[in-house]
Amino acid sequence: MDEILENQILEFVQNRHKKNESTASRHIHIRFDIEILDAEKFLESLTLKNRISKFYDEDYQEDRYNIS
């Protein structure tokens, strides 16, 4: 995986967190112009490294991510 892009995604999640917003794979897809499946892989990688946490948002019916 591209470590530079992963760090940029982490920074994006952190910036959204500062605004009290969580992040979904669709946000990454739009912001970084990558496929949603690739966005999910980056987010899962960051989750496994305990850099972000994952939760299910009932309102949007999707997995969302926030800073751990």
Protein backbone atom coordinates (compact mmCIF):
# COMPACT_ATOMS: atom_id res chain seq x y z
CA MET A 1 0.00 0.00 0.00
CA ASP A 2 1.06 3.55 -0.62
CA GLU A 3 2.34 4.88 2.72
CA ILE A 4 2.19 8.53 1.59
CA LEU A 5 -1.46 8.21 0.59
CA GLU A 6 -2.24 6.35 3.81
CA ASN A 7 -0.73 9.21 5.83
CA GLN A 8 -2.74 11.74 3.81
CA ILE A 9 -5.91 9.79 4.52
CA LEU A 10 -5.06 9.70 8.22
CA GLU A 11 -4.58 13.47 8.19
CA PHE A 12 -7.92 13.86 6.40
CA VAL A 13 -9.66 11.75 9.07
CA GLN A 14 -7.95 13.80 11.80
CA ASN A 15 -9.07 17.08 10.24
CA ARG A 16 -12.67 15.88 9.98
CA HIS A 17 -12.46 14.69 13.61
CA LYS A 18 -11.41 18.21 14.67
CA LYS A 19 -14.69 19.42 13.15
CA ASN A 20 -16.58 16.71 15.10
CA GLU A 21 -17.20 14.75 11.90
CA SER A 22 -16.55 11.09 11.25
CA THR A 23 -15.29 9.79 7.92
CA ALA A 24 -16.74 7.20 5.54
CA SER A 25 -15.05 5.46 2.65
CA ARG A 26 -17.13 7.59 0.27
CA HIS A 27 -15.46 10.72 1.68
CA ILE A 28 -12.04 9.23 0.89
CA HIS A 29 -13.27 8.16 -2.55
CA ILE A 30 -14.37 11.72 -3.38
CA ARG A 31 -11.43 13.57 -1.81
CA PHE A 32 -8.62 11.37 -3.15
CA ASP A 33 -10.28 10.16 -6.37
CA ILE A 34 -9.71 6.49 -5.60
CA GLU A 35 -12.11 3.56 -5.82
CA ILE A 36 -14.31 2.99 -2.77
CA LEU A 37 -12.85 -0.51 -2.31
CA ASP A 38 -9.35 0.98 -2.21
CA ALA A 39 -10.52 3.62 0.26
CA GLU A 40 -11.91 0.85 2.47
CA LYS A 41 -8.58 -0.99 2.32
CA PHE A 42 -6.71 2.11 3.49
CA LEU A 43 -9.21 2.71 6.29
CA GLU A 44 -9.06 -0.93 7.39
CA SER A 45 -5.25 -0.78 7.40
CA LEU A 46 -5.33 2.30 9.64
CA THR A 47 -7.86 0.55 11.89
CA LEU A 48 -5.63 -2.52 12.23
CA LYS A 49 -2.73 -0.24 13.18
CA ASN A 50 -4.98 1.32 15.88
CA ARG A 51 -4.59 4.76 14.31
CA ILE A 52 -8.36 5.13 13.79
CA SER A 53 -11.45 3.35 15.07
CA LYS A 54 -14.39 1.97 13.15
CA PHE A 55 -18.07 2.11 14.06
CA TYR A 56 -21.38 1.55 12.32
CA ASP A 57 -23.54 4.63 11.81
CA GLU A 58 -27.21 3.67 11.97
CA ASP A 59 -28.37 6.98 10.45
CA TYR A 60 -26.27 6.62 7.30
CA GLN A 61 -26.20 2.81 7.44
CA GLU A 62 -22.48 2.63 6.78
CA ASP A 63 -19.16 2.06 8.51
CA ARG A 64 -17.58 5.29 9.70
CA TYR A 65 -14.15 6.05 11.08
CA ASN A 66 -12.79 8.39 13.73
CA ILE A 67 -9.54 8.96 15.57
CA SER A 68 -8.87 6.28 18.21
